[in-house]
Amino acid sequence: MSTPRITLYTRPGCHLCDDARVVVQAVCADLGESFEEVDITADDELEDRFGEDVPVTFVDGRQHDFWRVDPTRLRAALG
């Protein structure tokens, strides 16, 4: 499998993160893409950077969305 184009930054117990993961998984499955999920609580720098703004999605290394993931916008970014 190729390098994931999407990075999903999350924290445990975050309901918005759970919702975002479902959207990202569905879009990736439809488009044959992959994603990686990073727990910001495991890294002080990420915790400082994103704080309560999770979930945060990056596509191809650039910030795409935070708090909610819109499947239409995500598909467009990957297209």
Protein backbone atom coordinates (compact mmCIF):
# COMPACT_ATOMS: atom_id res chain seq x y z
CA MET A 1 0.00 0.00 0.00
CA SER A 2 1.23 3.50 -0.76
CA THR A 3 2.04 6.19 1.78
CA PRO A 4 -1.17 7.56 3.30
CA ARG A 5 -2.24 10.90 1.80
CA ILE A 6 -4.41 11.72 4.82
CA THR A 7 -3.29 12.21 8.39
CA LEU A 8 -6.01 12.38 11.02
CA TYR A 9 -4.91 13.94 14.32
CA THR A 10 -7.12 12.84 17.21
CA ARG A 11 -7.30 12.34 20.97
CA PRO A 12 -8.87 9.46 22.91
CA GLY A 13 -12.45 10.00 24.05
CA CYS A 14 -13.16 12.69 21.44
CA HIS A 15 -16.60 12.15 19.87
CA LEU A 16 -15.81 14.52 16.97
CA CYS A 17 -12.69 12.42 16.32
CA ASP A 18 -14.83 9.29 16.21
CA ASP A 19 -17.19 10.95 13.71
CA ALA A 20 -14.28 12.20 11.58
CA ARG A 21 -12.68 8.73 11.53
CA VAL A 22 -15.88 7.22 10.09
CA VAL A 23 -15.96 9.81 7.28
CA VAL A 24 -12.25 9.45 6.49
CA GLN A 25 -12.49 5.64 6.47
CA ALA A 26 -15.47 5.71 4.10
CA VAL A 27 -13.89 8.18 1.67
CA CYS A 28 -10.60 6.27 1.68
CA ALA A 29 -12.40 2.98 1.06
CA ASP A 30 -14.30 4.48 -1.88
CA LEU A 31 -11.22 6.06 -3.45
CA GLY A 32 -8.65 3.38 -2.67
CA GLU A 33 -6.69 5.75 -0.45
CA SER A 34 -5.25 5.16 3.00
CA PHE A 35 -4.88 7.29 6.09
CA GLU A 36 -2.88 7.34 9.27
CA GLU A 37 -4.23 8.35 12.64
CA VAL A 38 -2.04 10.16 15.17
CA ASP A 39 -2.95 10.51 18.85
CA ILE A 40 -1.86 14.03 19.79
CA THR A 41 -1.73 13.14 23.50
CA ALA A 42 1.36 11.03 22.80
CA ASP A 43 3.34 14.07 21.61
CA ASP A 44 3.66 17.32 23.58
CA GLU A 45 4.34 19.38 20.44
CA LEU A 46 1.19 18.09 18.73
CA GLU A 47 -0.79 18.64 21.92
CA ASP A 48 0.41 22.26 22.04
CA ARG A 49 -0.21 22.77 18.32
CA PHE A 50 -3.72 21.33 18.05
CA GLY A 51 -5.03 21.39 21.63
CA GLU A 52 -8.83 21.28 21.54
CA ASP A 53 -9.03 21.78 17.76
CA VAL A 54 -9.05 18.03 17.09
CA PRO A 55 -9.85 16.26 14.95
CA VAL A 56 -7.53 17.85 12.42
CA THR A 57 -7.09 16.39 8.96
CA PHE A 58 -4.13 16.93 6.68
CA VAL A 59 -4.12 15.96 3.00
CA ASP A 60 -0.76 15.61 1.28
CA GLY A 61 0.93 17.33 4.21
CA ARG A 62 -1.30 20.42 4.27
CA GLN A 63 -4.00 21.18 6.81
CA HIS A 64 -7.42 20.47 5.33
CA ASP A 65 -10.05 20.63 8.08
CA PHE A 66 -10.57 20.65 11.83
CA TRP A 67 -13.46 19.65 14.12
CA ARG A 68 -15.53 18.14 11.29
CA VAL A 69 -14.67 16.37 8.05
CA ASP A 70 -16.88 17.09 5.07
CA PRO A 71 -16.80 14.06 2.75
CA THR A 72 -17.37 16.16 -0.39
CA ARG A 73 -14.50 18.51 0.41
CA LEU A 74 -12.25 15.57 1.31
CA ARG A 75 -13.01 13.81 -1.98
CA ALA A 76 -12.27 17.03 -3.88
CA ALA A 77 -8.95 17.44 -2.08
CA LEU A 78 -7.96 13.90 -3.03
CA GLY A 79 -9.17 14.22 -6.63
